[in-house]
Amino acid sequence: MAEDKYIDLSHIIEDGLVTYKGLPAPIICDYLSREASKAMYEEGTEFQIGKIEMVSNTGTYIDTPFHRYADGKDLSEMELTSFAGLEAIVIRAEEHSPRIDEQLFHGQDVRGKAVLVHSGWDKHWNTEQYYVHAPYLTEAAAAYLRDQGAALVGIDSFNIDDTSGKGRPVHTILLGEGIPIVEHLCNLQLLPDAGFTFYAVPPKIKGMGTFPVRAFAALKV
């Protein structure tokens, strides 16, 4: 009987981590420390309750339509089928950086699938280089993926859009069609091109369109 092998595709979130330059880093600390908790419980019993202050665009995260559109679905309104157990494929884009155009997706069966774009840019994670000339999808690529029926699109880069200007056409096109986006993936080089399922499930939060996920792939072995 085949068993699942899990491959973690998420970066670690830690105190002081800068994910998106210009946004504040998370503050992770104790709300109740183990030492302080000793006064509340019997001898030998202690707990830690953590506290985190962060923007929603931290670590590896998912964008839902509400991130871009005021009337779009937020985290609480998305169906689990939008980001859990999706048949997935990897598109190898290492030689096409930074501009990843629609031609790279031609001939690929993306309908109903999570399309994960492997640029290899995660090797620069948590360095200054991560924000410079990072790979991105073109507007034409986003339109092609929308028209071909992709279920989710992810990338192992700083942003799925070109951030050199003020427009964000890829977010506009994909989220406008209800297609979630996962940014800041990692370890896509460990995956096969196809034949696995993808998960990137966020908490069920009302009034928020973006949040960190524990993204991973499940492979049959």
C-alpha atoms as a PDB file:
ATOM      1  CA  MET A   1       0.000   0.000   0.000  1.00  0.00           C
ATOM      2  CA  ALA A   2       1.428   3.368  -1.040  1.00  0.00           C
ATOM      3  CA  GLU A   3       2.197   5.862   1.707  1.00  0.00           C
ATOM      4  CA  ASP A   4       2.508   9.629   1.535  1.00  0.00           C
ATOM      5  CA  LYS A   5       5.870  11.342   1.776  1.00  0.00           C
ATOM      6  CA  TYR A   6       5.584  14.970   2.837  1.00  0.00           C
ATOM      7  CA  ILE A   7       7.904  17.723   1.603  1.00  0.00           C
ATOM      8  CA  ASP A   8       7.794  21.033   3.457  1.00  0.00           C
ATOM      9  CA  LEU A   9       7.604  24.018   1.105  1.00  0.00           C
ATOM     10  CA  SER A  10       7.460  26.753   3.773  1.00  0.00           C
ATOM     11  CA  HIS A  11      10.039  29.094   5.246  1.00  0.00           C
ATOM     12  CA  ILE A  12      10.464  29.348   9.020  1.00  0.00           C
ATOM     13  CA  ILE A  13       8.915  32.417  10.640  1.00  0.00           C
ATOM     14  CA  GLU A  14      11.012  33.765  13.486  1.00  0.00           C
ATOM     15  CA  ASP A  15      11.296  36.929  15.536  1.00  0.00           C
ATOM     16  CA  GLY A  16      12.727  39.763  13.433  1.00  0.00           C
ATOM     17  CA  LEU A  17      12.300  38.044  10.050  1.00  0.00           C
ATOM     18  CA  VAL A  18      11.822  40.443   7.130  1.00  0.00           C
ATOM     19  CA  THR A  19       9.689  38.828   4.437  1.00  0.00           C
ATOM     20  CA  TYR A  20       8.713  41.834   2.360  1.00  0.00           C
ATOM     21  CA  LYS A  21      11.048  44.820   2.466  1.00  0.00           C
ATOM     22  CA  GLY A  22       9.193  47.829   3.843  1.00  0.00           C
ATOM     23  CA  LEU A  23       6.816  45.785   5.999  1.00  0.00           C
ATOM     24  CA  PRO A  24       7.559  45.257   9.697  1.00  0.00           C
ATOM     25  CA  ALA A  25       9.123  42.037  10.927  1.00  0.00           C
ATOM     26  CA  PRO A  26       7.169  39.849  13.350  1.00  0.00           C
ATOM     27  CA  ILE A  27       7.643  40.214  17.085  1.00  0.00           C
ATOM     28  CA  ILE A  28       7.491  36.785  18.723  1.00  0.00           C
ATOM     29  CA  CYS A  29       7.690  36.571  22.497  1.00  0.00           C
ATOM     30  CA  ASP A  30       6.136  35.124  25.640  1.00  0.00           C
ATOM     31  CA  TYR A  31       2.737  36.289  26.782  1.00  0.00           C
ATOM     32  CA  LEU A  32       3.171  33.930  29.727  1.00  0.00           C
ATOM     33  CA  SER A  33       6.644  32.526  30.311  1.00  0.00           C
ATOM     34  CA  ARG A  34       7.269  29.113  31.854  1.00  0.00           C
ATOM     35  CA  GLU A  35       8.926  30.783  34.812  1.00  0.00           C
ATOM     36  CA  ALA A  36       5.975  33.091  35.415  1.00  0.00           C
ATOM     37  CA  SER A  37       3.489  30.251  35.024  1.00  0.00           C
ATOM     38  CA  LYS A  38       4.952  28.375  37.995  1.00  0.00           C
ATOM     39  CA  ALA A  39       3.082  30.709  40.329  1.00  0.00           C
ATOM     40  CA  MET A  40      -0.246  29.667  38.776  1.00  0.00           C
ATOM     41  CA  TYR A  41       0.039  25.866  38.935  1.00  0.00           C
ATOM     42  CA  GLU A  42       1.099  23.124  41.284  1.00  0.00           C
ATOM     43  CA  GLU A  43       4.761  22.308  41.676  1.00  0.00           C
ATOM     44  CA  GLY A  44       6.275  20.711  38.581  1.00  0.00           C
ATOM     45  CA  THR A  45       3.569  22.078  36.262  1.00  0.00           C
ATOM     46  CA  GLU A  46       4.408  24.929  33.918  1.00  0.00           C
ATOM     47  CA  PHE A  47       3.256  26.267  30.549  1.00  0.00           C
ATOM     48  CA  GLN A  48       4.280  28.765  27.905  1.00  0.00           C
ATOM     49  CA  ILE A  49       1.741  30.924  26.077  1.00  0.00           C
ATOM     50  CA  GLY A  50       3.265  32.717  23.119  1.00  0.00           C
ATOM     51  CA  LYS A  51       2.431  36.077  21.604  1.00  0.00           C
ATOM     52  CA  ILE A  52       3.049  37.247  18.051  1.00  0.00           C
ATOM     53  CA  GLU A  53       2.591  40.623  16.409  1.00  0.00           C
ATOM     54  CA  MET A  54       2.941  40.578  12.629  1.00  0.00           C
ATOM     55  CA  VAL A  55       1.528  41.707   9.327  1.00  0.00           C
ATOM     56  CA  SER A  56      -0.318  39.029   7.401  1.00  0.00           C
ATOM     57  CA  ASN A  57       2.280  39.030   4.597  1.00  0.00           C
ATOM     58  CA  THR A  58       4.886  37.142   6.602  1.00  0.00           C
ATOM     59  CA  GLY A  59       6.804  33.992   5.701  1.00  0.00           C
ATOM     60  CA  THR A  60       5.227  31.707   3.117  1.00  0.00           C
ATOM     61  CA  TYR A  61       1.676  32.994   2.728  1.00  0.00           C
ATOM     62  CA  ILE A  62      -1.479  32.672   0.671  1.00  0.00           C
ATOM     63  CA  ASP A  63      -3.396  35.506  -0.985  1.00  0.00           C
ATOM     64  CA  THR A  64      -7.170  35.177  -1.330  1.00  0.00           C
ATOM     65  CA  PRO A  65      -9.390  37.510  -3.387  1.00  0.00           C
ATOM     66  CA  PHE A  66     -10.064  39.848  -0.425  1.00  0.00           C
ATOM     67  CA  HIS A  67      -6.375  40.812  -0.481  1.00  0.00           C
ATOM     68  CA  ARG A  68      -7.014  42.616  -3.772  1.00  0.00           C
ATOM     69  CA  TYR A  69     -10.792  43.138  -3.882  1.00  0.00           C
ATOM     70  CA  ALA A  70     -13.001  44.583  -1.133  1.00  0.00           C
ATOM     71  CA  ASP A  71     -15.859  42.287  -2.163  1.00  0.00           C
ATOM     72  CA  GLY A  72     -13.649  39.221  -2.692  1.00  0.00           C
ATOM     73  CA  LYS A  73     -13.668  36.124  -0.506  1.00  0.00           C
ATOM     74  CA  ASP A  74     -11.546  36.379   2.630  1.00  0.00           C
ATOM     75  CA  LEU A  75      -9.745  33.559   4.454  1.00  0.00           C
ATOM     76  CA  SER A  76     -12.906  32.471   6.251  1.00  0.00           C
ATOM     77  CA  GLU A  77     -14.953  32.263   3.074  1.00  0.00           C
ATOM     78  CA  MET A  78     -12.636  30.144   0.949  1.00  0.00           C
ATOM     79  CA  GLU A  79     -13.475  26.458   0.551  1.00  0.00           C
ATOM     80  CA  LEU A  80     -10.842  23.969   1.711  1.00  0.00           C
ATOM     81  CA  THR A  81     -10.817  22.577  -1.815  1.00  0.00           C
ATOM     82  CA  SER A  82      -9.269  25.881  -2.929  1.00  0.00           C
ATOM     83  CA  PHE A  83      -5.937  25.092  -1.265  1.00  0.00           C
ATOM     84  CA  ALA A  84      -5.945  21.546   0.132  1.00  0.00           C
ATOM     85  CA  GLY A  85      -5.308  18.271  -1.682  1.00  0.00           C
ATOM     86  CA  LEU A  86      -4.865  19.901  -5.066  1.00  0.00           C
ATOM     87  CA  GLU A  87      -3.311  17.913  -7.874  1.00  0.00           C
ATOM     88  CA  ALA A  88      -0.182  19.888  -8.677  1.00  0.00           C
ATOM     89  CA  ILE A  89       2.565  20.438 -11.227  1.00  0.00           C
ATOM     90  CA  VAL A  90       5.909  22.233 -11.097  1.00  0.00           C
ATOM     91  CA  ILE A  91       6.961  24.570 -13.894  1.00  0.00           C
ATOM     92  CA  ARG A  92      10.756  24.921 -14.080  1.00  0.00           C
ATOM     93  CA  ALA A  93      11.619  28.561 -14.688  1.00  0.00           C
ATOM     94  CA  GLU A  94      15.222  28.839 -13.500  1.00  0.00           C
ATOM     95  CA  GLU A  95      16.446  29.813 -16.973  1.00  0.00           C
ATOM     96  CA  HIS A  96      13.642  32.308 -17.562  1.00  0.00           C
ATOM     97  CA  SER A  97      14.287  34.723 -14.696  1.00  0.00           C
ATOM     98  CA  PRO A  98      13.329  37.345 -13.958  1.00  0.00           C
ATOM     99  CA  ARG A  99      10.505  37.640 -16.502  1.00  0.00           C
ATOM    100  CA  ILE A 100       8.391  34.480 -16.703  1.00  0.00           C
ATOM    101  CA  ASP A 101       6.081  34.710 -19.702  1.00  0.00           C
ATOM    102  CA  GLU A 102       3.143  32.659 -20.907  1.00  0.00           C
ATOM    103  CA  GLN A 103       5.175  30.559 -23.367  1.00  0.00           C
ATOM    104  CA  LEU A 104       6.648  28.607 -20.469  1.00  0.00           C
ATOM    105  CA  PHE A 105       3.195  27.258 -19.638  1.00  0.00           C
ATOM    106  CA  HIS A 106       2.225  26.260 -23.170  1.00  0.00           C
ATOM    107  CA  GLY A 107       1.654  22.532 -23.517  1.00  0.00           C
ATOM    108  CA  GLN A 108       1.195  22.080 -19.765  1.00  0.00           C
ATOM    109  CA  ASP A 109      -2.054  20.675 -18.401  1.00  0.00           C
ATOM    110  CA  VAL A 110      -2.852  23.220 -15.689  1.00  0.00           C
ATOM    111  CA  ARG A 111      -6.645  22.865 -15.521  1.00  0.00           C
ATOM    112  CA  GLY A 112      -7.817  22.306 -11.958  1.00  0.00           C
ATOM    113  CA  LYS A 113      -4.230  22.112 -10.691  1.00  0.00           C
ATOM    114  CA  ALA A 114      -1.944  23.991  -8.354  1.00  0.00           C
ATOM    115  CA  VAL A 115       0.736  25.441 -10.624  1.00  0.00           C
ATOM    116  CA  LEU A 116       3.997  25.913  -8.713  1.00  0.00           C
ATOM    117  CA  VAL A 117       6.630  28.019 -10.450  1.00  0.00           C
ATOM    118  CA  HIS A 118      10.163  26.957  -9.542  1.00  0.00           C
ATOM    119  CA  SER A 119      12.557  29.851 -10.119  1.00  0.00           C
ATOM    120  CA  GLY A 120      15.138  28.788  -7.542  1.00  0.00           C
ATOM    121  CA  TRP A 121      15.017  32.262  -5.998  1.00  0.00           C
ATOM    122  CA  ASP A 122      14.408  30.850  -2.511  1.00  0.00           C
ATOM    123  CA  LYS A 123      18.182  30.328  -2.295  1.00  0.00           C
ATOM    124  CA  HIS A 124      18.381  34.094  -1.609  1.00  0.00           C
ATOM    125  CA  TRP A 125      15.811  34.002   1.214  1.00  0.00           C
ATOM    126  CA  ASN A 126      16.569  36.353   4.112  1.00  0.00           C
ATOM    127  CA  THR A 127      19.278  38.209   2.156  1.00  0.00           C
ATOM    128  CA  GLU A 128      19.314  41.564   0.354  1.00  0.00           C
ATOM    129  CA  GLN A 129      19.558  39.761  -3.002  1.00  0.00           C
ATOM    130  CA  TYR A 130      16.080  38.294  -2.450  1.00  0.00           C
ATOM    131  CA  TYR A 131      14.517  41.678  -3.261  1.00  0.00           C
ATOM    132  CA  VAL A 132      16.643  42.529  -6.311  1.00  0.00           C
ATOM    133  CA  HIS A 133      15.601  41.421  -9.839  1.00  0.00           C
ATOM    134  CA  ALA A 134      13.388  38.696  -8.384  1.00  0.00           C
ATOM    135  CA  PRO A 135      11.520  36.425 -10.840  1.00  0.00           C
ATOM    136  CA  TYR A 136       7.888  37.260 -11.543  1.00  0.00           C
ATOM    137  CA  LEU A 137       5.033  36.293 -13.865  1.00  0.00           C
ATOM    138  CA  THR A 138       3.971  38.577 -16.679  1.00  0.00           C
ATOM    139  CA  GLU A 139       0.421  39.795 -17.133  1.00  0.00           C
ATOM    140  CA  ALA A 140       0.121  37.535 -20.189  1.00  0.00           C
ATOM    141  CA  ALA A 141       1.219  34.507 -18.144  1.00  0.00           C
ATOM    142  CA  ALA A 142      -1.416  35.240 -15.508  1.00  0.00           C
ATOM    143  CA  ALA A 143      -4.113  35.634 -18.161  1.00  0.00           C
ATOM    144  CA  TYR A 144      -3.062  32.352 -19.764  1.00  0.00           C
ATOM    145  CA  LEU A 145      -3.219  30.475 -16.453  1.00  0.00           C
ATOM    146  CA  ARG A 146      -6.616  31.974 -15.729  1.00  0.00           C
ATOM    147  CA  ASP A 147      -7.947  31.071 -19.163  1.00  0.00           C
ATOM    148  CA  GLN A 148      -6.558  27.540 -18.910  1.00  0.00           C
ATOM    149  CA  GLY A 149      -8.303  26.957 -15.583  1.00  0.00           C
ATOM    150  CA  ALA A 150      -5.468  26.818 -13.045  1.00  0.00           C
ATOM    151  CA  ALA A 151      -6.789  26.294  -9.514  1.00  0.00           C
ATOM    152  CA  LEU A 152      -3.912  27.960  -7.608  1.00  0.00           C
ATOM    153  CA  VAL A 153      -0.597  29.548  -8.575  1.00  0.00           C
ATOM    154  CA  GLY A 154       2.507  29.609  -6.383  1.00  0.00           C
ATOM    155  CA  ILE A 155       6.058  30.876  -6.741  1.00  0.00           C
ATOM    156  CA  ASP A 156       9.299  30.616  -4.735  1.00  0.00           C
ATOM    157  CA  SER A 157      10.067  34.301  -5.168  1.00  0.00           C
ATOM    158  CA  PHE A 158       9.623  37.722  -3.554  1.00  0.00           C
ATOM    159  CA  ASN A 159       6.412  38.519  -5.426  1.00  0.00           C
ATOM    160  CA  ILE A 160       4.438  36.909  -8.224  1.00  0.00           C
ATOM    161  CA  ASP A 161       4.180  40.400  -9.799  1.00  0.00           C
ATOM    162  CA  ASP A 162       6.860  42.718 -11.127  1.00  0.00           C
ATOM    163  CA  THR A 163       7.323  45.196  -8.254  1.00  0.00           C
ATOM    164  CA  SER A 164       9.331  47.753 -10.244  1.00  0.00           C
ATOM    165  CA  GLY A 165       6.113  49.654 -10.992  1.00  0.00           C
ATOM    166  CA  LYS A 166       2.892  50.341  -9.114  1.00  0.00           C
ATOM    167  CA  GLY A 167       0.645  47.970 -11.046  1.00  0.00           C
ATOM    168  CA  ARG A 168      -0.005  44.400  -9.875  1.00  0.00           C
ATOM    169  CA  PRO A 169      -1.652  42.757 -12.915  1.00  0.00           C
ATOM    170  CA  VAL A 170      -0.971  39.156 -11.851  1.00  0.00           C
ATOM    171  CA  HIS A 171      -2.709  39.636  -8.505  1.00  0.00           C
ATOM    172  CA  THR A 172      -5.503  41.498 -10.276  1.00  0.00           C
ATOM    173  CA  ILE A 173      -6.091  38.760 -12.847  1.00  0.00           C
ATOM    174  CA  LEU A 174      -5.723  35.661 -10.682  1.00  0.00           C
ATOM    175  CA  LEU A 175      -7.480  36.906  -7.548  1.00  0.00           C
ATOM    176  CA  GLY A 176     -10.176  38.448  -9.724  1.00  0.00           C
ATOM    177  CA  GLU A 177     -10.940  34.937 -10.959  1.00  0.00           C
ATOM    178  CA  GLY A 178     -10.848  33.507  -7.407  1.00  0.00           C
ATOM    179  CA  ILE A 179      -7.493  31.789  -7.952  1.00  0.00           C
ATOM    180  CA  PRO A 180      -5.382  31.868  -4.746  1.00  0.00           C
ATOM    181  CA  ILE A 181      -1.722  32.853  -4.899  1.00  0.00           C
ATOM    182  CA  VAL A 182       1.042  31.422  -2.689  1.00  0.00           C
ATOM    183  CA  GLU A 183       4.276  33.416  -2.483  1.00  0.00           C
ATOM    184  CA  HIS A 184       7.674  32.743  -0.875  1.00  0.00           C
ATOM    185  CA  LEU A 185       7.592  28.984  -1.400  1.00  0.00           C
ATOM    186  CA  CYS A 186      10.791  26.968  -1.050  1.00  0.00           C
ATOM    187  CA  ASN A 187      12.241  23.514  -1.789  1.00  0.00           C
ATOM    188  CA  LEU A 188      10.448  23.144  -5.116  1.00  0.00           C
ATOM    189  CA  GLN A 189      13.602  21.511  -6.483  1.00  0.00           C
ATOM    190  CA  LEU A 190      12.758  18.488  -4.295  1.00  0.00           C
ATOM    191  CA  LEU A 191       9.492  17.858  -6.112  1.00  0.00           C
ATOM    192  CA  PRO A 192       8.784  15.913  -9.294  1.00  0.00           C
ATOM    193  CA  ASP A 193       7.252  17.808 -12.184  1.00  0.00           C
ATOM    194  CA  ALA A 194       3.864  16.161 -11.519  1.00  0.00           C
ATOM    195  CA  GLY A 195       2.171  13.338  -9.642  1.00  0.00           C
ATOM    196  CA  PHE A 196       1.742  14.898  -6.193  1.00  0.00           C
ATOM    197  CA  THR A 197      -0.792  16.924  -4.230  1.00  0.00           C
ATOM    198  CA  PHE A 198      -0.357  20.371  -2.714  1.00  0.00           C
ATOM    199  CA  TYR A 199      -1.602  21.891   0.540  1.00  0.00           C
ATOM    200  CA  ALA A 200      -1.408  25.507   1.743  1.00  0.00           C
ATOM    201  CA  VAL A 201      -4.128  25.923   4.373  1.00  0.00           C
ATOM    202  CA  PRO A 202      -4.453  29.193   6.340  1.00  0.00           C
ATOM    203  CA  PRO A 203      -6.460  29.848   9.520  1.00  0.00           C
ATOM    204  CA  LYS A 204     -10.171  30.650   9.101  1.00  0.00           C
ATOM    205  CA  ILE A 205     -10.026  34.403   9.809  1.00  0.00           C
ATOM    206  CA  LYS A 206     -12.777  36.889   8.968  1.00  0.00           C
ATOM    207  CA  GLY A 207     -11.842  40.163   7.322  1.00  0.00           C
ATOM    208  CA  MET A 208      -8.336  39.148   6.220  1.00  0.00           C
ATOM    209  CA  GLY A 209      -7.171  38.143   2.762  1.00  0.00           C
ATOM    210  CA  THR A 210      -3.601  36.996   3.365  1.00  0.00           C
ATOM    211  CA  PHE A 211      -1.965  34.813   6.011  1.00  0.00           C
ATOM    212  CA  PRO A 212       1.024  32.491   6.507  1.00  0.00           C
ATOM    213  CA  VAL A 213       0.551  28.829   5.617  1.00  0.00           C
ATOM    214  CA  ARG A 214       2.422  25.582   6.208  1.00  0.00           C
ATOM    215  CA  ALA A 215       2.649  24.715   2.531  1.00  0.00           C
ATOM    216  CA  PHE A 216       3.645  21.146   1.699  1.00  0.00           C
ATOM    217  CA  ALA A 217       3.496  18.483  -0.976  1.00  0.00           C
ATOM    218  CA  ALA A 218       2.300  14.923  -0.523  1.00  0.00           C
ATOM    219  CA  LEU A 219       3.964  12.289  -2.727  1.00  0.00           C
ATOM    220  CA  LYS A 220       3.045   8.624  -3.012  1.00  0.00           C
ATOM    221  CA  VAL A 221       6.008   6.361  -2.253  1.00  0.00           C
END
